[in-house]
Amino acid sequence: ERVGALARTSALGRLAAPEEIAAVIAFLASDRASYLTGQTV
């Protein structure tokens, strides 16, 4: 029930999958983000 309540705090109505966070990390770590620094996304 607590997990469900946390999911409802999201505008998308669900929790994130770990892979969704990992995808953003992979982008930030890669050369595709070569002009992105000093940011908390």
ModelCIF file with pLDDT and N, C-alpha, C, O atoms, coordinates in Angstrom:
data_MODEL
#
_entry.id   MODEL 
#
_entity.id                         1 
_entity.type                       polymer 
_entity.pdbx_number_of_molecules   1 
#
_entity_poly.entity_id                      1 
_entity_poly.type                           'polypeptide(L)' 
_entity_poly.nstd_linkage                   no 
_entity_poly.nstd_monomer                   no 
_entity_poly.pdbx_seq_one_letter_code       ERVGALARTSALGRLAAPEEIAAVIAFLASDRASYLTGQTV 
_entity_poly.pdbx_seq_one_letter_code_can   ERVGALARTSALGRLAAPEEIAAVIAFLASDRASYLTGQTV 
_entity_poly.pdbx_strand_id                 A 
#
loop_
_entity_poly_seq.entity_id 
_entity_poly_seq.num 
_entity_poly_seq.mon_id 
_entity_poly_seq.hetero 
1 1  GLU n 
1 2  ARG n 
1 3  VAL n 
1 4  GLY n 
1 5  ALA n 
1 6  LEU n 
1 7  ALA n 
1 8  ARG n 
1 9  THR n 
1 10 SER n 
1 11 ALA n 
1 12 LEU n 
1 13 GLY n 
1 14 ARG n 
1 15 LEU n 
1 16 ALA n 
1 17 ALA n 
1 18 PRO n 
1 19 GLU n 
1 20 GLU n 
1 21 ILE n 
1 22 ALA n 
1 23 ALA n 
1 24 VAL n 
1 25 ILE n 
1 26 ALA n 
1 27 PHE n 
1 28 LEU n 
1 29 ALA n 
1 30 SER n 
1 31 ASP n 
1 32 ARG n 
1 33 ALA n 
1 34 SER n 
1 35 TYR n 
1 36 LEU n 
1 37 THR n 
1 38 GLY n 
1 39 GLN n 
1 40 THR n 
1 41 VAL n 
#
_struct_asym.id          A 
_struct_asym.entity_id   1 
#
loop_
_ma_qa_metric.id 
_ma_qa_metric.mode 
_ma_qa_metric.name 
_ma_qa_metric.software_group_id 
_ma_qa_metric.type 
1 global pLDDT . pLDDT 
2 local  pLDDT . pLDDT 
#
_ma_qa_metric_global.metric_id      1 
_ma_qa_metric_global.metric_value   95.61 
_ma_qa_metric_global.model_id       1 
_ma_qa_metric_global.ordinal_id     1 
#
loop_
_ma_qa_metric_local.label_asym_id 
_ma_qa_metric_local.label_comp_id 
_ma_qa_metric_local.label_seq_id 
_ma_qa_metric_local.metric_id 
_ma_qa_metric_local.metric_value 
_ma_qa_metric_local.model_id 
_ma_qa_metric_local.ordinal_id 
A GLU 1  2 90.00 1 1  
A ARG 2  2 88.00 1 2  
A VAL 3  2 89.00 1 3  
A GLY 4  2 92.00 1 4  
A ALA 5  2 92.00 1 5  
A LEU 6  2 91.00 1 6  
A ALA 7  2 93.00 1 7  
A ARG 8  2 93.00 1 8  
A THR 9  2 92.00 1 9  
A SER 10 2 94.00 1 10 
A ALA 11 2 95.00 1 11 
A LEU 12 2 96.00 1 12 
A GLY 13 2 95.00 1 13 
A ARG 14 2 95.00 1 14 
A LEU 15 2 95.00 1 15 
A ALA 16 2 96.00 1 16 
A ALA 17 2 96.00 1 17 
A PRO 18 2 95.00 1 18 
A GLU 19 2 96.00 1 19 
A GLU 20 2 97.00 1 20 
A ILE 21 2 97.00 1 21 
A ALA 22 2 97.00 1 22 
A ALA 23 2 98.00 1 23 
A VAL 24 2 98.00 1 24 
A ILE 25 2 98.00 1 25 
A ALA 26 2 97.00 1 26 
A PHE 27 2 98.00 1 27 
A LEU 28 2 98.00 1 28 
A ALA 29 2 97.00 1 29 
A SER 30 2 97.00 1 30 
A ASP 31 2 96.00 1 31 
A ARG 32 2 97.00 1 32 
A ALA 33 2 98.00 1 33 
A SER 34 2 98.00 1 34 
A TYR 35 2 98.00 1 35 
A LEU 36 2 98.00 1 36 
A THR 37 2 98.00 1 37 
A GLY 38 2 98.00 1 38 
A GLN 39 2 98.00 1 39 
A THR 40 2 98.00 1 40 
A VAL 41 2 98.00 1 41 
#
loop_
_atom_site.group_PDB 
_atom_site.id 
_atom_site.type_symbol 
_atom_site.label_atom_id 
_atom_site.label_alt_id 
_atom_site.label_comp_id 
_atom_site.label_asym_id 
_atom_site.label_entity_id 
_atom_site.label_seq_id 
_atom_site.pdbx_PDB_ins_code 
_atom_site.Cartn_x 
_atom_site.Cartn_y 
_atom_site.Cartn_z 
_atom_site.occupancy 
_atom_site.B_iso_or_equiv 
_atom_site.pdbx_formal_charge 
_atom_site.auth_seq_id 
_atom_site.auth_comp_id 
_atom_site.auth_asym_id 
_atom_site.auth_atom_id 
_atom_site.pdbx_PDB_model_num 
ATOM 1   N N  . GLU A 1 1  ? 0.831  -1.212 0.000   1.00 90.00 ? 1  GLU A N  1 
ATOM 2   C CA . GLU A 1 1  ? 0.000  0.000  0.000   1.00 90.00 ? 1  GLU A CA 1 
ATOM 3   C C  . GLU A 1 1  ? 0.863  1.259  0.000   1.00 90.00 ? 1  GLU A C  1 
ATOM 4   O O  . GLU A 1 1  ? 0.481  2.274  -0.583  1.00 90.00 ? 1  GLU A O  1 
ATOM 5   N N  . ARG A 1 2  ? 2.022  1.198  0.650   1.00 88.00 ? 2  ARG A N  1 
ATOM 6   C CA . ARG A 1 2  ? 2.939  2.345  0.638   1.00 88.00 ? 2  ARG A CA 1 
ATOM 7   C C  . ARG A 1 2  ? 3.548  2.529  -0.742  1.00 88.00 ? 2  ARG A C  1 
ATOM 8   O O  . ARG A 1 2  ? 3.675  3.654  -1.227  1.00 88.00 ? 2  ARG A O  1 
ATOM 9   N N  . VAL A 1 3  ? 3.924  1.425  -1.374  1.00 89.00 ? 3  VAL A N  1 
ATOM 10  C CA . VAL A 1 3  ? 4.461  1.498  -2.738  1.00 89.00 ? 3  VAL A CA 1 
ATOM 11  C C  . VAL A 1 3  ? 3.429  2.107  -3.682  1.00 89.00 ? 3  VAL A C  1 
ATOM 12  O O  . VAL A 1 3  ? 3.766  2.926  -4.537  1.00 89.00 ? 3  VAL A O  1 
ATOM 13  N N  . GLY A 1 4  ? 2.158  1.697  -3.519  1.00 92.00 ? 4  GLY A N  1 
ATOM 14  C CA . GLY A 1 4  ? 1.102  2.251  -4.349  1.00 92.00 ? 4  GLY A CA 1 
ATOM 15  C C  . GLY A 1 4  ? 0.929  3.741  -4.131  1.00 92.00 ? 4  GLY A C  1 
ATOM 16  O O  . GLY A 1 4  ? 0.715  4.490  -5.084  1.00 92.00 ? 4  GLY A O  1 
ATOM 17  N N  . ALA A 1 5  ? 1.021  4.180  -2.873  1.00 92.00 ? 5  ALA A N  1 
ATOM 18  C CA . ALA A 1 5  ? 0.892  5.609  -2.571  1.00 92.00 ? 5  ALA A CA 1 
ATOM 19  C C  . ALA A 1 5  ? 2.031  6.403  -3.186  1.00 92.00 ? 5  ALA A C  1 
ATOM 20  O O  . ALA A 1 5  ? 1.818  7.501  -3.699  1.00 92.00 ? 5  ALA A O  1 
ATOM 21  N N  . LEU A 1 6  ? 3.240  5.854  -3.138  1.00 91.00 ? 6  LEU A N  1 
ATOM 22  C CA . LEU A 1 6  ? 4.380  6.535  -3.757  1.00 91.00 ? 6  LEU A CA 1 
ATOM 23  C C  . LEU A 1 6  ? 4.210  6.617  -5.265  1.00 91.00 ? 6  LEU A C  1 
ATOM 24  O O  . LEU A 1 6  ? 4.558  7.627  -5.877  1.00 91.00 ? 6  LEU A O  1 
ATOM 25  N N  . ALA A 1 7  ? 3.681  5.566  -5.863  1.00 93.00 ? 7  ALA A N  1 
ATOM 26  C CA . ALA A 1 7  ? 3.455  5.577  -7.311  1.00 93.00 ? 7  ALA A CA 1 
ATOM 27  C C  . ALA A 1 7  ? 2.494  6.679  -7.710  1.00 93.00 ? 7  ALA A C  1 
ATOM 28  O O  . ALA A 1 7  ? 2.646  7.292  -8.767  1.00 93.00 ? 7  ALA A O  1 
ATOM 29  N N  . ARG A 1 8  ? 1.513  6.931  -6.873  1.00 93.00 ? 8  ARG A N  1 
ATOM 30  C CA . ARG A 1 8  ? 0.514  7.953  -7.200  1.00 93.00 ? 8  ARG A CA 1 
ATOM 31  C C  . ARG A 1 8  ? 1.049  9.375  -7.064  1.00 93.00 ? 8  ARG A C  1 
ATOM 32  O O  . ARG A 1 8  ? 0.423  10.319 -7.547  1.00 93.00 ? 8  ARG A O  1 
ATOM 33  N N  . THR A 1 9  ? 2.204  9.539  -6.410  1.00 92.00 ? 9  THR A N  1 
ATOM 34  C CA . THR A 1 9  ? 2.788  10.883 -6.354  1.00 92.00 ? 9  THR A CA 1 
ATOM 35  C C  . THR A 1 9  ? 3.377  11.297 -7.692  1.00 92.00 ? 9  THR A C  1 
ATOM 36  O O  . THR A 1 9  ? 3.620  12.481 -7.924  1.00 92.00 ? 9  THR A O  1 
ATOM 37  N N  . SER A 1 10 ? 3.607  10.341 -8.565  1.00 94.00 ? 10 SER A N  1 
ATOM 38  C CA . SER A 1 10 ? 4.160  10.634 -9.889  1.00 94.00 ? 10 SER A CA 1 
ATOM 39  C C  . SER A 1 10 ? 3.059  11.087 -10.837 1.00 94.00 ? 10 SER A C  1 
ATOM 40  O O  . SER A 1 10 ? 1.939  10.581 -10.786 1.00 94.00 ? 10 SER A O  1 
ATOM 41  N N  . ALA A 1 11 ? 3.385  12.047 -11.703 1.00 95.00 ? 11 ALA A N  1 
ATOM 42  C CA . ALA A 1 11 ? 2.428  12.471 -12.723 1.00 95.00 ? 11 ALA A CA 1 
ATOM 43  C C  . ALA A 1 11 ? 2.115  11.340 -13.686 1.00 95.00 ? 11 ALA A C  1 
ATOM 44  O O  . ALA A 1 11 ? 1.056  11.333 -14.315 1.00 95.00 ? 11 ALA A O  1 
ATOM 45  N N  . LEU A 1 12 ? 3.036  10.374 -13.807 1.00 96.00 ? 12 LEU A N  1 
ATOM 46  C CA . LEU A 1 12 ? 2.823  9.223  -14.684 1.00 96.00 ? 12 LEU A CA 1 
ATOM 47  C C  . LEU A 1 12 ? 2.079  8.097  -13.971 1.00 96.00 ? 12 LEU A C  1 
ATOM 48  O O  . LEU A 1 12 ? 1.707  7.110  -14.605 1.00 96.00 ? 12 LEU A O  1 
ATOM 49  N N  . GLY A 1 13 ? 1.859  8.228  -12.673 1.00 95.00 ? 13 GLY A N  1 
ATOM 50  C CA . GLY A 1 13 ? 1.080  7.244  -11.931 1.00 95.00 ? 13 GLY A CA 1 
ATOM 51  C C  . GLY A 1 13 ? 1.776  5.935  -11.669 1.00 95.00 ? 13 GLY A C  1 
ATOM 52  O O  . GLY A 1 13 ? 1.115  4.920  -11.447 1.00 95.00 ? 13 GLY A O  1 
ATOM 53  N N  . ARG A 1 14 ? 3.099  5.929  -11.690 1.00 95.00 ? 14 ARG A N  1 
ATOM 54  C CA . ARG A 1 14 ? 3.835  4.683  -11.452 1.00 95.00 ? 14 ARG A CA 1 
ATOM 55  C C  . ARG A 1 14 ? 5.231  5.012  -10.947 1.00 95.00 ? 14 ARG A C  1 
ATOM 56  O O  . ARG A 1 14 ? 5.695  6.148  -11.042 1.00 95.00 ? 14 ARG A O  1 
ATOM 57  N N  . LEU A 1 15 ? 5.894  3.989  -10.405 1.00 95.00 ? 15 LEU A N  1 
ATOM 58  C CA . LEU A 1 15 ? 7.295  4.118  -10.038 1.00 95.00 ? 15 LEU A CA 1 
ATOM 59  C C  . LEU A 1 15 ? 8.166  3.991  -11.280 1.00 95.00 ? 15 LEU A C  1 
ATOM 60  O O  . LEU A 1 15 ? 7.729  3.469  -12.305 1.00 95.00 ? 15 LEU A O  1 
ATOM 61  N N  . ALA A 1 16 ? 9.388  4.468  -11.180 1.00 96.00 ? 16 ALA A N  1 
ATOM 62  C CA . ALA A 1 16 ? 10.351 4.285  -12.264 1.00 96.00 ? 16 ALA A CA 1 
ATOM 63  C C  . ALA A 1 16 ? 10.897 2.859  -12.230 1.00 96.00 ? 16 ALA A C  1 
ATOM 64  O O  . ALA A 1 16 ? 11.055 2.269  -11.162 1.00 96.00 ? 16 ALA A O  1 
ATOM 65  N N  . ALA A 1 17 ? 11.178 2.322  -13.399 1.00 96.00 ? 17 ALA A N  1 
ATOM 66  C CA . ALA A 1 17 ? 11.957 1.090  -13.483 1.00 96.00 ? 17 ALA A CA 1 
ATOM 67  C C  . ALA A 1 17 ? 13.429 1.462  -13.370 1.00 96.00 ? 17 ALA A C  1 
ATOM 68  O O  . ALA A 1 17 ? 13.830 2.510  -13.877 1.00 96.00 ? 17 ALA A O  1 
ATOM 69  N N  . PRO A 1 18 ? 14.247 0.635  -12.721 1.00 95.00 ? 18 PRO A N  1 
ATOM 70  C CA . PRO A 1 18 ? 15.677 0.965  -12.622 1.00 95.00 ? 18 PRO A CA 1 
ATOM 71  C C  . PRO A 1 18 ? 16.308 1.262  -13.985 1.00 95.00 ? 18 PRO A C  1 
ATOM 72  O O  . PRO A 1 18 ? 17.186 2.117  -14.100 1.00 95.00 ? 18 PRO A O  1 
ATOM 73  N N  . GLU A 1 19 ? 15.852 0.547  -15.010 1.00 96.00 ? 19 GLU A N  1 
ATOM 74  C CA . GLU A 1 19 ? 16.420 0.749  -16.347 1.00 96.00 ? 19 GLU A CA 1 
ATOM 75  C C  . GLU A 1 19 ? 16.165 2.161  -16.873 1.00 96.00 ? 19 GLU A C  1 
ATOM 76  O O  . GLU A 1 19 ? 16.947 2.672  -17.674 1.00 96.00 ? 19 GLU A O  1 
ATOM 77  N N  . GLU A 1 20 ? 15.084 2.789  -16.432 1.00 97.00 ? 20 GLU A N  1 
ATOM 78  C CA . GLU A 1 20 ? 14.785 4.148  -16.886 1.00 97.00 ? 20 GLU A CA 1 
ATOM 79  C C  . GLU A 1 20 ? 15.760 5.159  -16.299 1.00 97.00 ? 20 GLU A C  1 
ATOM 80  O O  . GLU A 1 20 ? 16.131 6.129  -16.961 1.00 97.00 ? 20 GLU A O  1 
ATOM 81  N N  . ILE A 1 21 ? 16.169 4.934  -15.070 1.00 97.00 ? 21 ILE A N  1 
ATOM 82  C CA . ILE A 1 21 ? 17.184 5.788  -14.465 1.00 97.00 ? 21 ILE A CA 1 
ATOM 83  C C  . ILE A 1 21 ? 18.539 5.508  -15.107 1.00 97.00 ? 21 ILE A C  1 
ATOM 84  O O  . ILE A 1 21 ? 19.304 6.428  -15.397 1.00 97.00 ? 21 ILE A O  1 
ATOM 85  N N  . ALA A 1 22 ? 18.822 4.227  -15.325 1.00 97.00 ? 22 ALA A N  1 
ATOM 86  C CA . ALA A 1 22 ? 20.104 3.842  -15.929 1.00 97.00 ? 22 ALA A CA 1 
ATOM 87  C C  . ALA A 1 22 ? 20.276 4.440  -17.318 1.00 97.00 ? 22 ALA A C  1 
ATOM 88  O O  . ALA A 1 22 ? 21.392 4.787  -17.706 1.00 97.00 ? 22 ALA A O  1 
ATOM 89  N N  . ALA A 1 23 ? 19.197 4.563  -18.066 1.00 98.00 ? 23 ALA A N  1 
ATOM 90  C CA . ALA A 1 23 ? 19.293 5.118  -19.421 1.00 98.00 ? 23 ALA A CA 1 
ATOM 91  C C  . ALA A 1 23 ? 19.763 6.569  -19.387 1.00 98.00 ? 23 ALA A C  1 
ATOM 92  O O  . ALA A 1 23 ? 20.548 6.989  -20.237 1.00 98.00 ? 23 ALA A O  1 
ATOM 93  N N  . VAL A 1 24 ? 19.289 7.330  -18.412 1.00 98.00 ? 24 VAL A N  1 
ATOM 94  C CA . VAL A 1 24 ? 19.713 8.729  -18.303 1.00 98.00 ? 24 VAL A CA 1 
ATOM 95  C C  . VAL A 1 24 ? 21.172 8.793  -17.839 1.00 98.00 ? 24 VAL A C  1 
ATOM 96  O O  . VAL A 1 24 ? 21.944 9.620  -18.324 1.00 98.00 ? 24 VAL A O  1 
ATOM 97  N N  . ILE A 1 25 ? 21.543 7.927  -16.907 1.00 98.00 ? 25 ILE A N  1 
ATOM 98  C CA . ILE A 1 25 ? 22.939 7.869  -16.466 1.00 98.00 ? 25 ILE A CA 1 
ATOM 99  C C  . ILE A 1 25 ? 23.846 7.538  -17.640 1.00 98.00 ? 25 ILE A C  1 
ATOM 100 O O  . ILE A 1 25 ? 24.897 8.156  -17.809 1.00 98.00 ? 25 ILE A O  1 
ATOM 101 N N  . ALA A 1 26 ? 23.446 6.566  -18.451 1.00 97.00 ? 26 ALA A N  1 
ATOM 102 C CA . ALA A 1 26 ? 24.261 6.175  -19.598 1.00 97.00 ? 26 ALA A CA 1 
ATOM 103 C C  . ALA A 1 26 ? 24.449 7.342  -20.562 1.00 97.00 ? 26 ALA A C  1 
ATOM 104 O O  . ALA A 1 26 ? 25.532 7.522  -21.118 1.00 97.00 ? 26 ALA A O  1 
ATOM 105 N N  . PHE A 1 27 ? 23.399 8.131  -20.760 1.00 98.00 ? 27 PHE A N  1 
ATOM 106 C CA . PHE A 1 27 ? 23.513 9.304  -21.618 1.00 98.00 ? 27 PHE A CA 1 
ATOM 107 C C  . PHE A 1 27 ? 24.481 10.320 -21.029 1.00 98.00 ? 27 PHE A C  1 
ATOM 108 O O  . PHE A 1 27 ? 25.369 10.808 -21.728 1.00 98.00 ? 27 PHE A O  1 
ATOM 109 N N  . LEU A 1 28 ? 24.316 10.645 -19.742 1.00 98.00 ? 28 LEU A N  1 
ATOM 110 C CA . LEU A 1 28 ? 25.182 11.639 -19.114 1.00 98.00 ? 28 LEU A CA 1 
ATOM 111 C C  . LEU A 1 28 ? 26.638 11.211 -19.127 1.00 98.00 ? 28 LEU A C  1 
ATOM 112 O O  . LEU A 1 28 ? 27.531 12.043 -19.287 1.00 98.00 ? 28 LEU A O  1 
ATOM 113 N N  . ALA A 1 29 ? 26.882 9.923  -18.960 1.00 97.00 ? 29 ALA A N  1 
ATOM 114 C CA . ALA A 1 29 ? 28.255 9.424  -18.924 1.00 97.00 ? 29 ALA A CA 1 
ATOM 115 C C  . ALA A 1 29 ? 28.901 9.383  -20.299 1.00 97.00 ? 29 ALA A C  1 
ATOM 116 O O  . ALA A 1 29 ? 30.128 9.365  -20.405 1.00 97.00 ? 29 ALA A O  1 
ATOM 117 N N  . SER A 1 30 ? 28.093 9.367  -21.352 1.00 97.00 ? 30 SER A N  1 
ATOM 118 C CA . SER A 1 30 ? 28.605 9.154  -22.701 1.00 97.00 ? 30 SER A CA 1 
ATOM 119 C C  . SER A 1 30 ? 29.021 10.454 -23.376 1.00 97.00 ? 30 SER A C  1 
ATOM 120 O O  . SER A 1 30 ? 28.738 11.547 -22.887 1.00 97.00 ? 30 SER A O  1 
ATOM 121 N N  . ASP A 1 31 ? 29.701 10.309 -24.512 1.00 96.00 ? 31 ASP A N  1 
ATOM 122 C CA . ASP A 1 31 ? 30.109 11.473 -25.300 1.00 96.00 ? 31 ASP A CA 1 
ATOM 123 C C  . ASP A 1 31 ? 28.924 12.197 -25.915 1.00 96.00 ? 31 ASP A C  1 
ATOM 124 O O  . ASP A 1 31 ? 29.072 13.328 -26.376 1.00 96.00 ? 31 ASP A O  1 
ATOM 125 N N  . ARG A 1 32 ? 27.752 11.574 -25.934 1.00 97.00 ? 32 ARG A N  1 
ATOM 126 C CA . ARG A 1 32 ? 26.567 12.258 -26.460 1.00 97.00 ? 32 ARG A CA 1 
ATOM 127 C C  . ARG A 1 32 ? 26.183 13.453 -25.596 1.00 97.00 ? 32 ARG A C  1 
ATOM 128 O O  . ARG A 1 32 ? 25.488 14.361 -26.052 1.00 97.00 ? 32 ARG A O  1 
ATOM 129 N N  . ALA A 1 33 ? 26.640 13.448 -24.347 1.00 98.00 ? 33 ALA A N  1 
ATOM 130 C CA . ALA A 1 33 ? 26.372 14.564 -23.434 1.00 98.00 ? 33 ALA A CA 1 
ATOM 131 C C  . ALA A 1 33 ? 27.629 15.419 -23.267 1.00 98.00 ? 33 ALA A C  1 
ATOM 132 O O  . ALA A 1 33 ? 27.896 15.930 -22.179 1.00 98.00 ? 33 ALA A O  1 
ATOM 133 N N  . SER A 1 34 ? 28.388 15.571 -24.329 1.00 98.00 ? 34 SER A N  1 
ATOM 134 C CA . SER A 1 34 ? 29.712 16.182 -24.251 1.00 98.00 ? 34 SER A CA 1 
ATOM 135 C C  . SER A 1 34 ? 29.708 17.640 -23.808 1.00 98.00 ? 34 SER A C  1 
ATOM 136 O O  . SER A 1 34 ? 30.745 18.143 -23.376 1.00 98.00 ? 34 SER A O  1 
ATOM 137 N N  . TYR A 1 35 ? 28.576 18.334 -23.901 1.00 98.00 ? 35 TYR A N  1 
ATOM 138 C CA . TYR A 1 35 ? 28.524 19.737 -23.484 1.00 98.00 ? 35 TYR A CA 1 
ATOM 139 C C  . TYR A 1 35 ? 27.621 19.910 -22.266 1.00 98.00 ? 35 TYR A C  1 
ATOM 140 O O  . TYR A 1 35 ? 27.123 21.006 -22.008 1.00 98.00 ? 35 TYR A O  1 
ATOM 141 N N  . LEU A 1 36 ? 27.417 18.851 -21.538 1.00 98.00 ? 36 LEU A N  1 
ATOM 142 C CA . LEU A 1 36 ? 26.544 18.882 -20.367 1.00 98.00 ? 36 LEU A CA 1 
ATOM 143 C C  . LEU A 1 36 ? 27.388 18.579 -19.136 1.00 98.00 ? 36 LEU A C  1 
ATOM 144 O O  . LEU A 1 36 ? 27.919 17.477 -19.000 1.00 98.00 ? 36 LEU A O  1 
ATOM 145 N N  . THR A 1 37 ? 27.511 19.543 -18.249 1.00 98.00 ? 37 THR A N  1 
ATOM 146 C CA . THR A 1 37 ? 28.298 19.330 -17.029 1.00 98.00 ? 37 THR A CA 1 
ATOM 147 C C  . THR A 1 37 ? 27.799 20.236 -15.914 1.00 98.00 ? 37 THR A C  1 
ATOM 148 O O  . THR A 1 37 ? 27.198 21.282 -16.161 1.00 98.00 ? 37 THR A O  1 
ATOM 149 N N  . GLY A 1 38 ? 28.058 19.819 -14.693 1.00 98.00 ? 38 GLY A N  1 
ATOM 150 C CA . GLY A 1 38 ? 27.647 20.583 -13.522 1.00 98.00 ? 38 GLY A CA 1 
ATOM 151 C C  . GLY A 1 38 ? 26.162 20.538 -13.240 1.00 98.00 ? 38 GLY A C  1 
ATOM 152 O O  . GLY A 1 38 ? 25.640 21.399 -12.532 1.00 98.00 ? 38 GLY A O  1 
ATOM 153 N N  . GLN A 1 39 ? 25.467 19.541 -13.787 1.00 98.00 ? 39 GLN A N  1 
ATOM 154 C CA . GLN A 1 39 ? 24.009 19.483 -13.696 1.00 98.00 ? 39 GLN A CA 1 
ATOM 155 C C  . GLN A 1 39 ? 23.540 18.300 -12.860 1.00 98.00 ? 39 GLN A C  1 
ATOM 156 O O  . GLN A 1 39 ? 24.150 17.231 -12.878 1.00 98.00 ? 39 GLN A O  1 
ATOM 157 N N  . THR A 1 40 ? 22.460 18.502 -12.134 1.00 98.00 ? 40 THR A N  1 
ATOM 158 C CA . THR A 1 40 ? 21.721 17.413 -11.507 1.00 98.00 ? 40 THR A CA 1 
ATOM 159 C C  . THR A 1 40 ? 20.389 17.314 -12.231 1.00 98.00 ? 40 THR A C  1 
ATOM 160 O O  . THR A 1 40 ? 19.543 18.201 -12.117 1.00 98.00 ? 40 THR A O  1 
ATOM 161 N N  . VAL A 1 41 ? 20.208 16.235 -12.974 1.00 98.00 ? 41 VAL A N  1 
ATOM 162 C CA . VAL A 1 41 ? 19.040 16.064 -13.838 1.00 98.00 ? 41 VAL A CA 1 
ATOM 163 C C  . VAL A 1 41 ? 17.968 15.283 -13.084 1.00 98.00 ? 41 VAL A C  1 
ATOM 164 O O  . VAL A 1 41 ? 16.895 15.024 -13.628 1.00 98.00 ? 41 VAL A O  1 
#
